[in-house]
Amino acid sequence: MAGTIAALILAILAFFTVAAGVVTVRQGFEYTVERFGRYTKTLRPGFHLIVPFVDRVGRRINMMEQVLDIPGQEIITRDNAMVGVDGVVFYQVLDAASAAYQVSDLVLAILNLTTTNLRTVMGSMDLDETLSQRDAINARLLTIIDQATHPWGLKVTRVEVKDIRPPADISNAMARQMKAEREKRATILEAEGARSAEILRAEGQKQAQILEAEGRREAAFRDSEAREREAEAEARATTMVSEAIAAGNAQAINYFVAQKYVEAMTAFAQSSNSKTIFMPLELSSLAGSVGGISELLAAIRPDDKPAGQR
């Protein structure tokens, strides 16, 4: 009976001894092993055996990329403006042993380091620069914090300023300034539009006047050409009459005078100013003109005889 109890006790001790020497590391973590309080090695993810009661797991380090939230704080800029700022830091542990034994509290150290450098960087800038150069602030913080945390076995991947909150009075002033700038741009655009419209209208009027002048010039040229042709025809007619008179044909001059006489009488008859025409002409002259016309017609038709000889 005593032997059975002793064997059972030995089996239990053996089980606990073996269990104490078995370590299973989860994916994304690394464990440090300490022998009598001194670091000896780092266990990667998977199944491991260590010396029971001699070695023990010291620190369990998360090797995945982590996000640390930077709480909001008040920062005084170079132009003495008070702004509220908060942000985030993305970091990853690359060396588990350095992260475990080079710094006492890793998260607190990163938080304080980021906070102090955020105050330093933004405190050296004006308010307008802090609001418009957020990328430059992020880049400067990333460089400074990554260099400072390198001995701790960390890699700071990103530093982002989430929000910058200026005072209420400054926000109101900025809103008024933005409204004034927008109204200014609107006024400028309206003025430019009106100027463009006036320029286009003036160009249109200029083109219209040019076309009208060209039309008048073309009409004048056509009128001049018509008058020239009419003058040429009149000159040819006059030449023909002159040649006929020179040849001894008196009927030509009678035709010419009768034509002008009829044209003048027609113009008087078509006048719209009066309906009655007083003609202080001698009947003998009128009869002579009519007789000249009759003789002209008779000369044109030599086969016809005068009305009195039929």
C-alpha atoms as a PDB file:
ATOM      1  CA  MET A   1       0.000   0.000   0.000  1.00  0.00           C
ATOM      2  CA  ALA A   2       2.806   2.387   0.868  1.00  0.00           C
ATOM      3  CA  GLY A   3       4.616   1.464  -2.363  1.00  0.00           C
ATOM      4  CA  THR A   4       1.537   2.252  -4.404  1.00  0.00           C
ATOM      5  CA  ILE A   5       1.185   5.668  -2.801  1.00  0.00           C
ATOM      6  CA  ALA A   6       4.864   6.410  -3.386  1.00  0.00           C
ATOM      7  CA  ALA A   7       4.571   5.412  -7.056  1.00  0.00           C
ATOM      8  CA  LEU A   8       1.525   7.601  -7.470  1.00  0.00           C
ATOM      9  CA  ILE A   9       3.379  10.519  -5.914  1.00  0.00           C
ATOM     10  CA  LEU A  10       6.353   9.949  -8.176  1.00  0.00           C
ATOM     11  CA  ALA A  11       4.092   9.816 -11.228  1.00  0.00           C
ATOM     12  CA  ILE A  12       2.456  13.075 -10.248  1.00  0.00           C
ATOM     13  CA  LEU A  13       5.869  14.698  -9.694  1.00  0.00           C
ATOM     14  CA  ALA A  14       7.081  13.422 -13.037  1.00  0.00           C
ATOM     15  CA  PHE A  15       3.991  14.751 -14.771  1.00  0.00           C
ATOM     16  CA  PHE A  16       4.404  18.204 -13.259  1.00  0.00           C
ATOM     17  CA  THR A  17       8.140  18.150 -14.031  1.00  0.00           C
ATOM     18  CA  VAL A  18       7.516  17.381 -17.682  1.00  0.00           C
ATOM     19  CA  ALA A  19       4.705  19.942 -17.842  1.00  0.00           C
ATOM     20  CA  ALA A  20       7.010  22.558 -16.372  1.00  0.00           C
ATOM     21  CA  GLY A  21       9.507  21.895 -19.171  1.00  0.00           C
ATOM     22  CA  VAL A  22       6.998  22.176 -22.021  1.00  0.00           C
ATOM     23  CA  VAL A  23       6.352  25.666 -23.465  1.00  0.00           C
ATOM     24  CA  THR A  24       4.022  26.426 -26.362  1.00  0.00           C
ATOM     25  CA  VAL A  25       4.447  29.872 -27.920  1.00  0.00           C
ATOM     26  CA  ARG A  26       1.490  31.351 -29.798  1.00  0.00           C
ATOM     27  CA  GLN A  27       1.833  32.863 -33.250  1.00  0.00           C
ATOM     28  CA  GLY A  28       2.640  36.568 -33.102  1.00  0.00           C
ATOM     29  CA  PHE A  29       4.441  36.296 -29.754  1.00  0.00           C
ATOM     30  CA  GLU A  30       7.936  35.550 -28.539  1.00  0.00           C
ATOM     31  CA  TYR A  31       8.903  34.414 -25.029  1.00  0.00           C
ATOM     32  CA  THR A  32      12.177  35.142 -23.261  1.00  0.00           C
ATOM     33  CA  VAL A  33      13.748  32.356 -21.181  1.00  0.00           C
ATOM     34  CA  GLU A  34      15.532  33.153 -17.904  1.00  0.00           C
ATOM     35  CA  ARG A  35      17.798  30.761 -16.044  1.00  0.00           C
ATOM     36  CA  PHE A  36      18.099  31.697 -12.422  1.00  0.00           C
ATOM     37  CA  GLY A  37      16.909  35.211 -13.374  1.00  0.00           C
ATOM     38  CA  ARG A  38      19.321  35.691 -16.278  1.00  0.00           C
ATOM     39  CA  TYR A  39      18.203  35.922 -19.886  1.00  0.00           C
ATOM     40  CA  THR A  40      19.380  32.991 -21.966  1.00  0.00           C
ATOM     41  CA  LYS A  41      17.325  32.734 -25.167  1.00  0.00           C
ATOM     42  CA  THR A  42      14.137  33.675 -26.978  1.00  0.00           C
ATOM     43  CA  LEU A  43      11.448  31.144 -27.891  1.00  0.00           C
ATOM     44  CA  ARG A  44       9.794  31.512 -31.292  1.00  0.00           C
ATOM     45  CA  PRO A  45       6.192  30.478 -31.997  1.00  0.00           C
ATOM     46  CA  GLY A  46       5.730  26.694 -31.641  1.00  0.00           C
ATOM     47  CA  PHE A  47       6.544  23.830 -29.215  1.00  0.00           C
ATOM     48  CA  HIS A  48       9.633  24.075 -26.963  1.00  0.00           C
ATOM     49  CA  LEU A  49      11.258  22.185 -24.054  1.00  0.00           C
ATOM     50  CA  ILE A  50      13.139  23.933 -21.279  1.00  0.00           C
ATOM     51  CA  VAL A  51      14.874  22.666 -18.148  1.00  0.00           C
ATOM     52  CA  PRO A  52      12.184  22.373 -15.463  1.00  0.00           C
ATOM     53  CA  PHE A  53      12.649  24.401 -12.284  1.00  0.00           C
ATOM     54  CA  VAL A  54      15.842  25.874 -13.729  1.00  0.00           C
ATOM     55  CA  ASP A  55      14.554  27.806 -16.730  1.00  0.00           C
ATOM     56  CA  ARG A  56      11.410  29.817 -16.751  1.00  0.00           C
ATOM     57  CA  VAL A  57       9.539  32.094 -19.163  1.00  0.00           C
ATOM     58  CA  GLY A  58      10.515  35.686 -18.389  1.00  0.00           C
ATOM     59  CA  ARG A  59       8.524  38.048 -20.694  1.00  0.00           C
ATOM     60  CA  ARG A  60       5.815  37.391 -23.256  1.00  0.00           C
ATOM     61  CA  ILE A  61       6.390  39.948 -26.025  1.00  0.00           C
ATOM     62  CA  ASN A  62       3.786  40.786 -28.657  1.00  0.00           C
ATOM     63  CA  MET A  63       5.590  40.878 -32.024  1.00  0.00           C
ATOM     64  CA  MET A  64       2.626  42.132 -34.044  1.00  0.00           C
ATOM     65  CA  GLU A  65       2.258  45.772 -35.118  1.00  0.00           C
ATOM     66  CA  GLN A  66       0.461  47.689 -32.422  1.00  0.00           C
ATOM     67  CA  VAL A  67      -1.358  50.995 -32.169  1.00  0.00           C
ATOM     68  CA  LEU A  68      -0.834  53.359 -29.257  1.00  0.00           C
ATOM     69  CA  ASP A  69      -3.324  56.163 -28.806  1.00  0.00           C
ATOM     70  CA  ILE A  70      -1.859  59.527 -27.757  1.00  0.00           C
ATOM     71  CA  PRO A  71      -4.369  61.319 -25.491  1.00  0.00           C
ATOM     72  CA  GLY A  72      -5.351  64.909 -26.210  1.00  0.00           C
ATOM     73  CA  GLN A  73      -3.169  67.648 -24.795  1.00  0.00           C
ATOM     74  CA  GLU A  74      -2.819  71.410 -24.951  1.00  0.00           C
ATOM     75  CA  ILE A  75       0.149  72.812 -26.887  1.00  0.00           C
ATOM     76  CA  ILE A  76       1.295  76.428 -27.163  1.00  0.00           C
ATOM     77  CA  THR A  77       2.520  77.311 -30.645  1.00  0.00           C
ATOM     78  CA  ARG A  78       5.297  79.744 -31.489  1.00  0.00           C
ATOM     79  CA  ASP A  79       2.813  82.604 -31.905  1.00  0.00           C
ATOM     80  CA  ASN A  80       1.306  81.861 -28.449  1.00  0.00           C
ATOM     81  CA  ALA A  81      -1.853  80.139 -29.679  1.00  0.00           C
ATOM     82  CA  MET A  82      -3.258  77.330 -27.542  1.00  0.00           C
ATOM     83  CA  VAL A  83      -4.298  74.278 -29.581  1.00  0.00           C
ATOM     84  CA  GLY A  84      -5.526  70.839 -28.573  1.00  0.00           C
ATOM     85  CA  VAL A  85      -3.800  67.893 -30.249  1.00  0.00           C
ATOM     86  CA  ASP A  86      -4.132  64.109 -30.175  1.00  0.00           C
ATOM     87  CA  GLY A  87      -2.644  61.362 -32.329  1.00  0.00           C
ATOM     88  CA  VAL A  88      -1.670  57.730 -32.765  1.00  0.00           C
ATOM     89  CA  VAL A  89       1.607  55.802 -33.016  1.00  0.00           C
ATOM     90  CA  PHE A  90       2.051  52.537 -34.940  1.00  0.00           C
ATOM     91  CA  TYR A  91       5.009  50.418 -33.794  1.00  0.00           C
ATOM     92  CA  GLN A  92       6.292  46.865 -33.959  1.00  0.00           C
ATOM     93  CA  VAL A  93       8.766  44.965 -31.773  1.00  0.00           C
ATOM     94  CA  LEU A  94      11.663  43.523 -33.775  1.00  0.00           C
ATOM     95  CA  ASP A  95      13.896  42.336 -30.912  1.00  0.00           C
ATOM     96  CA  ALA A  96      12.016  40.706 -28.038  1.00  0.00           C
ATOM     97  CA  ALA A  97      15.008  40.671 -25.685  1.00  0.00           C
ATOM     98  CA  SER A  98      15.715  44.400 -26.130  1.00  0.00           C
ATOM     99  CA  ALA A  99      12.046  45.289 -25.697  1.00  0.00           C
ATOM    100  CA  ALA A 100      11.908  43.176 -22.532  1.00  0.00           C
ATOM    101  CA  TYR A 101      15.124  44.248 -20.838  1.00  0.00           C
ATOM    102  CA  GLN A 102      16.197  47.632 -22.295  1.00  0.00           C
ATOM    103  CA  VAL A 103      13.194  49.579 -20.994  1.00  0.00           C
ATOM    104  CA  SER A 104      11.102  49.117 -17.902  1.00  0.00           C
ATOM    105  CA  ASP A 105       7.612  49.976 -19.238  1.00  0.00           C
ATOM    106  CA  LEU A 106       7.618  49.932 -23.038  1.00  0.00           C
ATOM    107  CA  VAL A 107       4.143  51.432 -23.614  1.00  0.00           C
ATOM    108  CA  LEU A 108       4.632  54.219 -21.068  1.00  0.00           C
ATOM    109  CA  ALA A 109       8.039  55.040 -22.538  1.00  0.00           C
ATOM    110  CA  ILE A 110       6.646  55.338 -26.076  1.00  0.00           C
ATOM    111  CA  LEU A 111       3.725  57.443 -24.840  1.00  0.00           C
ATOM    112  CA  ASN A 112       5.929  59.919 -22.958  1.00  0.00           C
ATOM    113  CA  LEU A 113       8.453  60.103 -25.791  1.00  0.00           C
ATOM    114  CA  THR A 114       5.754  60.872 -28.353  1.00  0.00           C
ATOM    115  CA  THR A 115       4.065  63.455 -26.138  1.00  0.00           C
ATOM    116  CA  THR A 116       7.231  65.430 -25.427  1.00  0.00           C
ATOM    117  CA  ASN A 117       8.374  65.435 -29.054  1.00  0.00           C
ATOM    118  CA  LEU A 118       4.883  66.431 -30.215  1.00  0.00           C
ATOM    119  CA  ARG A 119       5.061  69.473 -27.946  1.00  0.00           C
ATOM    120  CA  THR A 120       8.559  70.280 -29.212  1.00  0.00           C
ATOM    121  CA  VAL A 121       7.729  70.009 -32.906  1.00  0.00           C
ATOM    122  CA  MET A 122       4.419  71.870 -32.840  1.00  0.00           C
ATOM    123  CA  GLY A 123       5.696  74.434 -30.347  1.00  0.00           C
ATOM    124  CA  SER A 124       8.314  75.526 -32.898  1.00  0.00           C
ATOM    125  CA  MET A 125       5.664  76.287 -35.539  1.00  0.00           C
ATOM    126  CA  ASP A 126       3.065  79.006 -36.002  1.00  0.00           C
ATOM    127  CA  LEU A 127      -0.629  78.238 -35.808  1.00  0.00           C
ATOM    128  CA  ASP A 128      -1.089  78.469 -39.570  1.00  0.00           C
ATOM    129  CA  GLU A 129       1.820  76.063 -40.090  1.00  0.00           C
ATOM    130  CA  THR A 130       0.418  73.526 -37.639  1.00  0.00           C
ATOM    131  CA  LEU A 131      -2.921  73.581 -39.441  1.00  0.00           C
ATOM    132  CA  SER A 132      -1.516  73.377 -42.978  1.00  0.00           C
ATOM    133  CA  GLN A 133       1.626  71.244 -42.554  1.00  0.00           C
ATOM    134  CA  ARG A 134       0.305  68.151 -40.836  1.00  0.00           C
ATOM    135  CA  ASP A 135       2.304  65.846 -43.123  1.00  0.00           C
ATOM    136  CA  ALA A 136       5.530  67.651 -42.200  1.00  0.00           C
ATOM    137  CA  ILE A 137       4.696  67.268 -38.489  1.00  0.00           C
ATOM    138  CA  ASN A 138       4.053  63.543 -38.942  1.00  0.00           C
ATOM    139  CA  ALA A 139       7.329  63.057 -40.832  1.00  0.00           C
ATOM    140  CA  ARG A 140       9.396  64.888 -38.197  1.00  0.00           C
ATOM    141  CA  LEU A 141       7.798  62.978 -35.346  1.00  0.00           C
ATOM    142  CA  LEU A 142       8.343  59.651 -37.112  1.00  0.00           C
ATOM    143  CA  THR A 143      12.042  60.338 -37.618  1.00  0.00           C
ATOM    144  CA  ILE A 144      12.634  61.476 -34.035  1.00  0.00           C
ATOM    145  CA  ILE A 145      10.656  58.714 -32.309  1.00  0.00           C
ATOM    146  CA  ASP A 146      12.021  55.932 -34.510  1.00  0.00           C
ATOM    147  CA  GLN A 147      15.598  56.935 -33.746  1.00  0.00           C
ATOM    148  CA  ALA A 148      14.883  57.214 -30.025  1.00  0.00           C
ATOM    149  CA  THR A 149      13.195  53.800 -29.779  1.00  0.00           C
ATOM    150  CA  HIS A 150      15.726  51.899 -31.892  1.00  0.00           C
ATOM    151  CA  PRO A 151      17.763  50.734 -28.834  1.00  0.00           C
ATOM    152  CA  TRP A 152      14.563  49.202 -27.444  1.00  0.00           C
ATOM    153  CA  GLY A 153      14.241  46.837 -30.398  1.00  0.00           C
ATOM    154  CA  LEU A 154      11.269  48.734 -31.869  1.00  0.00           C
ATOM    155  CA  LYS A 155      10.364  49.946 -35.322  1.00  0.00           C
ATOM    156  CA  VAL A 156       7.981  52.928 -35.363  1.00  0.00           C
ATOM    157  CA  THR A 157       6.137  52.610 -38.684  1.00  0.00           C
ATOM    158  CA  ARG A 158       3.818  55.606 -38.572  1.00  0.00           C
ATOM    159  CA  VAL A 159       2.985  58.639 -36.457  1.00  0.00           C
ATOM    160  CA  GLU A 160      -0.264  60.453 -37.220  1.00  0.00           C
ATOM    161  CA  VAL A 161      -1.737  63.618 -35.739  1.00  0.00           C
ATOM    162  CA  LYS A 162      -5.458  62.854 -35.607  1.00  0.00           C
ATOM    163  CA  ASP A 163      -6.928  66.190 -34.666  1.00  0.00           C
ATOM    164  CA  ILE A 164      -5.809  69.781 -34.132  1.00  0.00           C
ATOM    165  CA  ARG A 165      -8.320  71.945 -32.281  1.00  0.00           C
ATOM    166  CA  PRO A 166      -7.650  75.707 -32.275  1.00  0.00           C
ATOM    167  CA  PRO A 167      -9.443  77.971 -29.764  1.00  0.00           C
ATOM    168  CA  ALA A 168     -13.047  78.978 -30.463  1.00  0.00           C
ATOM    169  CA  ASP A 169     -12.245  82.639 -31.153  1.00  0.00           C
ATOM    170  CA  ILE A 170      -9.533  81.675 -33.614  1.00  0.00           C
ATOM    171  CA  SER A 171     -11.897  79.217 -35.299  1.00  0.00           C
ATOM    172  CA  ASN A 172     -14.486  81.974 -35.691  1.00  0.00           C
ATOM    173  CA  ALA A 173     -11.876  84.346 -37.103  1.00  0.00           C
ATOM    174  CA  MET A 174     -10.724  81.681 -39.539  1.00  0.00           C
ATOM    175  CA  ALA A 175     -14.314  81.068 -40.637  1.00  0.00           C
ATOM    176  CA  ARG A 176     -14.818  84.784 -41.288  1.00  0.00           C
ATOM    177  CA  GLN A 177     -11.536  84.936 -43.172  1.00  0.00           C
ATOM    178  CA  MET A 178     -12.520  81.967 -45.319  1.00  0.00           C
ATOM    179  CA  LYS A 179     -15.902  83.566 -46.058  1.00  0.00           C
ATOM    180  CA  ALA A 180     -14.210  86.831 -47.027  1.00  0.00           C
ATOM    181  CA  GLU A 181     -11.792  84.974 -49.301  1.00  0.00           C
ATOM    182  CA  ARG A 182     -14.649  83.144 -51.015  1.00  0.00           C
ATOM    183  CA  GLU A 183     -16.590  86.378 -51.503  1.00  0.00           C
ATOM    184  CA  LYS A 184     -13.445  87.995 -52.880  1.00  0.00           C
ATOM    185  CA  ARG A 185     -12.946  85.166 -55.377  1.00  0.00           C
ATOM    186  CA  ALA A 186     -16.625  85.343 -56.368  1.00  0.00           C
ATOM    187  CA  THR A 187     -16.366  89.100 -56.965  1.00  0.00           C
ATOM    188  CA  ILE A 188     -13.206  88.630 -59.021  1.00  0.00           C
ATOM    189  CA  LEU A 189     -14.830  85.912 -61.110  1.00  0.00           C
ATOM    190  CA  GLU A 190     -17.899  88.074 -61.717  1.00  0.00           C
ATOM    191  CA  ALA A 191     -15.703  91.006 -62.761  1.00  0.00           C
ATOM    192  CA  GLU A 192     -13.692  88.798 -65.085  1.00  0.00           C
ATOM    193  CA  GLY A 193     -16.905  87.421 -66.567  1.00  0.00           C
ATOM    194  CA  ALA A 194     -18.288  90.927 -67.147  1.00  0.00           C
ATOM    195  CA  ARG A 195     -15.007  92.002 -68.732  1.00  0.00           C
ATOM    196  CA  SER A 196     -14.970  88.986 -71.026  1.00  0.00           C
ATOM    197  CA  ALA A 197     -18.579  89.683 -72.031  1.00  0.00           C
ATOM    198  CA  GLU A 198     -17.767  93.329 -72.819  1.00  0.00           C
ATOM    199  CA  ILE A 199     -14.731  92.276 -74.841  1.00  0.00           C
ATOM    200  CA  LEU A 200     -16.767  89.760 -76.813  1.00  0.00           C
ATOM    201  CA  ARG A 201     -19.541  92.314 -77.352  1.00  0.00           C
ATOM    202  CA  ALA A 202     -17.023  94.895 -78.587  1.00  0.00           C
ATOM    203  CA  GLU A 203     -15.434  92.306 -80.867  1.00  0.00           C
ATOM    204  CA  GLY A 204     -18.865  91.485 -82.264  1.00  0.00           C
ATOM    205  CA  GLN A 205     -19.656  95.124 -82.912  1.00  0.00           C
ATOM    206  CA  LYS A 206     -16.248  95.570 -84.531  1.00  0.00           C
ATOM    207  CA  GLN A 207     -16.815  92.608 -86.828  1.00  0.00           C
ATOM    208  CA  ALA A 208     -20.314  93.876 -87.663  1.00  0.00           C
ATOM    209  CA  GLN A 209     -18.969  97.322 -88.552  1.00  0.00           C
ATOM    210  CA  ILE A 210     -16.210  95.774 -90.646  1.00  0.00           C
ATOM    211  CA  LEU A 211     -18.695  93.628 -92.519  1.00  0.00           C
ATOM    212  CA  GLU A 212     -21.039  96.596 -92.983  1.00  0.00           C
ATOM    213  CA  ALA A 213     -18.179  98.735 -94.325  1.00  0.00           C
ATOM    214  CA  GLU A 214     -17.153  95.951 -96.679  1.00  0.00           C
ATOM    215  CA  GLY A 215     -20.785  95.698 -97.831  1.00  0.00           C
ATOM    216  CA  ARG A 216     -20.952  99.429 -98.484  1.00  0.00           C
ATOM    217  CA  ARG A 217     -17.666  99.285-100.347  1.00  0.00           C
ATOM    218  CA  GLU A 218     -18.899  96.405-102.480  1.00  0.00           C
ATOM    219  CA  ALA A 219     -22.200  98.227-103.147  1.00  0.00           C
ATOM    220  CA  ALA A 220     -20.339 101.408-104.075  1.00  0.00           C
ATOM    221  CA  PHE A 221     -18.103  99.423-106.388  1.00  0.00           C
ATOM    222  CA  ARG A 222     -21.146  97.823-108.029  1.00  0.00           C
ATOM    223  CA  ASP A 223     -22.874 101.207-108.370  1.00  0.00           C
ATOM    224  CA  SER A 224     -19.758 102.729-109.842  1.00  0.00           C
ATOM    225  CA  GLU A 225     -19.430  99.860-112.265  1.00  0.00           C
ATOM    226  CA  ALA A 226     -23.117 100.228-113.259  1.00  0.00           C
ATOM    227  CA  ARG A 227     -22.723 103.972-113.797  1.00  0.00           C
ATOM    228  CA  GLU A 228     -19.595 103.329-115.804  1.00  0.00           C
ATOM    229  CA  ARG A 229     -21.399 100.842-118.022  1.00  0.00           C
ATOM    230  CA  GLU A 230     -24.336 103.252-118.372  1.00  0.00           C
ATOM    231  CA  ALA A 231     -21.950 106.045-119.302  1.00  0.00           C
ATOM    232  CA  GLU A 232     -20.241 103.782-121.815  1.00  0.00           C
ATOM    233  CA  ALA A 233     -23.634 102.914-123.344  1.00  0.00           C
ATOM    234  CA  GLU A 234     -24.596 106.613-123.435  1.00  0.00           C
ATOM    235  CA  ALA A 235     -21.272 107.437-125.006  1.00  0.00           C
ATOM    236  CA  ARG A 236     -21.735 104.758-127.646  1.00  0.00           C
ATOM    237  CA  ALA A 237     -25.280 106.017-128.342  1.00  0.00           C
ATOM    238  CA  THR A 238     -24.036 109.590-128.613  1.00  0.00           C
ATOM    239  CA  THR A 239     -21.223 108.455-130.886  1.00  0.00           C
ATOM    240  CA  MET A 240     -23.669 106.626-133.125  1.00  0.00           C
ATOM    241  CA  VAL A 241     -25.976 109.682-133.289  1.00  0.00           C
ATOM    242  CA  SER A 242     -23.015 111.924-134.032  1.00  0.00           C
ATOM    243  CA  GLU A 243     -21.856 109.607-136.786  1.00  0.00           C
ATOM    244  CA  ALA A 244     -25.380 109.508-138.238  1.00  0.00           C
ATOM    245  CA  ILE A 245     -25.587 113.327-138.234  1.00  0.00           C
ATOM    246  CA  ALA A 246     -22.151 113.556-139.784  1.00  0.00           C
ATOM    247  CA  ALA A 247     -23.328 111.177-142.485  1.00  0.00           C
ATOM    248  CA  GLY A 248     -26.172 113.561-143.338  1.00  0.00           C
ATOM    249  CA  ASN A 249     -29.038 111.715-141.639  1.00  0.00           C
ATOM    250  CA  ALA A 250     -31.095 114.366-139.809  1.00  0.00           C
ATOM    251  CA  GLN A 251     -33.495 111.844-138.415  1.00  0.00           C
ATOM    252  CA  ALA A 252     -30.975 110.756-135.809  1.00  0.00           C
ATOM    253  CA  ILE A 253     -30.934 114.132-134.093  1.00  0.00           C
ATOM    254  CA  ASN A 254     -34.724 114.182-134.169  1.00  0.00           C
ATOM    255  CA  TYR A 255     -34.819 110.768-132.520  1.00  0.00           C
ATOM    256  CA  PHE A 256     -32.394 111.859-129.836  1.00  0.00           C
ATOM    257  CA  VAL A 257     -34.328 115.069-129.061  1.00  0.00           C
ATOM    258  CA  ALA A 258     -37.678 113.271-129.085  1.00  0.00           C
ATOM    259  CA  GLN A 259     -36.381 110.625-126.662  1.00  0.00           C
ATOM    260  CA  LYS A 260     -35.200 113.225-124.150  1.00  0.00           C
ATOM    261  CA  TYR A 261     -38.454 115.149-124.593  1.00  0.00           C
ATOM    262  CA  VAL A 262     -40.564 112.053-123.835  1.00  0.00           C
ATOM    263  CA  GLU A 263     -38.420 111.166-120.811  1.00  0.00           C
ATOM    264  CA  ALA A 264     -38.844 114.687-119.413  1.00  0.00           C
ATOM    265  CA  MET A 265     -42.591 114.613-119.972  1.00  0.00           C
ATOM    266  CA  THR A 266     -42.794 111.210-118.266  1.00  0.00           C
ATOM    267  CA  ALA A 267     -40.911 112.499-115.251  1.00  0.00           C
ATOM    268  CA  PHE A 268     -43.290 115.446-114.944  1.00  0.00           C
ATOM    269  CA  ALA A 269     -46.321 113.175-115.236  1.00  0.00           C
ATOM    270  CA  GLN A 270     -45.051 110.765-112.546  1.00  0.00           C
ATOM    271  CA  SER A 271     -44.349 113.510-110.004  1.00  0.00           C
ATOM    272  CA  SER A 272     -46.162 112.916-106.689  1.00  0.00           C
ATOM    273  CA  ASN A 273     -46.151 116.587-105.649  1.00  0.00           C
ATOM    274  CA  SER A 274     -48.807 117.795-108.066  1.00  0.00           C
ATOM    275  CA  LYS A 275     -51.530 116.500-110.316  1.00  0.00           C
ATOM    276  CA  THR A 276     -51.702 119.504-112.712  1.00  0.00           C
ATOM    277  CA  ILE A 277     -48.884 120.453-115.059  1.00  0.00           C
ATOM    278  CA  PHE A 278     -48.663 123.885-116.716  1.00  0.00           C
ATOM    279  CA  MET A 279     -46.712 123.729-119.891  1.00  0.00           C
ATOM    280  CA  PRO A 280     -45.753 127.174-121.288  1.00  0.00           C
ATOM    281  CA  LEU A 281     -44.764 125.663-124.601  1.00  0.00           C
ATOM    282  CA  GLU A 282     -45.684 126.809-128.110  1.00  0.00           C
ATOM    283  CA  LEU A 283     -47.926 124.528-130.049  1.00  0.00           C
ATOM    284  CA  SER A 284     -45.696 124.873-133.032  1.00  0.00           C
ATOM    285  CA  SER A 285     -42.728 123.484-131.065  1.00  0.00           C
ATOM    286  CA  LEU A 286     -44.807 120.580-129.779  1.00  0.00           C
ATOM    287  CA  ALA A 287     -46.107 119.938-133.263  1.00  0.00           C
ATOM    288  CA  GLY A 288     -42.586 120.126-134.635  1.00  0.00           C
ATOM    289  CA  SER A 289     -41.383 117.586-132.084  1.00  0.00           C
ATOM    290  CA  VAL A 290     -44.285 115.263-132.836  1.00  0.00           C
ATOM    291  CA  GLY A 291     -43.628 115.751-136.528  1.00  0.00           C
ATOM    292  CA  GLY A 292     -39.990 114.859-135.989  1.00  0.00           C
ATOM    293  CA  ILE A 293     -41.002 111.675-134.262  1.00  0.00           C
ATOM    294  CA  SER A 294     -43.381 110.812-137.102  1.00  0.00           C
ATOM    295  CA  GLU A 295     -40.683 111.422-139.707  1.00  0.00           C
ATOM    296  CA  LEU A 296     -38.298 109.270-137.636  1.00  0.00           C
ATOM    297  CA  LEU A 297     -40.777 106.413-137.582  1.00  0.00           C
ATOM    298  CA  ALA A 298     -41.371 106.834-141.255  1.00  0.00           C
ATOM    299  CA  ALA A 299     -37.650 106.643-141.863  1.00  0.00           C
ATOM    300  CA  ILE A 300     -37.463 103.462-139.831  1.00  0.00           C
ATOM    301  CA  ARG A 301     -40.350 101.941-141.877  1.00  0.00           C
ATOM    302  CA  PRO A 302     -39.810 103.225-145.437  1.00  0.00           C
ATOM    303  CA  ASP A 303     -42.507 100.935-146.893  1.00  0.00           C
ATOM    304  CA  ASP A 304     -45.250 102.651-144.958  1.00  0.00           C
ATOM    305  CA  LYS A 305     -46.691 105.882-146.314  1.00  0.00           C
ATOM    306  CA  PRO A 306     -47.953 108.859-144.401  1.00  0.00           C
ATOM    307  CA  ALA A 307     -51.552 108.776-143.274  1.00  0.00           C
ATOM    308  CA  GLY A 308     -52.564 111.606-145.635  1.00  0.00           C
ATOM    309  CA  GLN A 309     -51.259 109.758-148.806  1.00  0.00           C
ATOM    310  CA  ARG A 310     -53.090 106.487-148.373  1.00  0.00           C
END
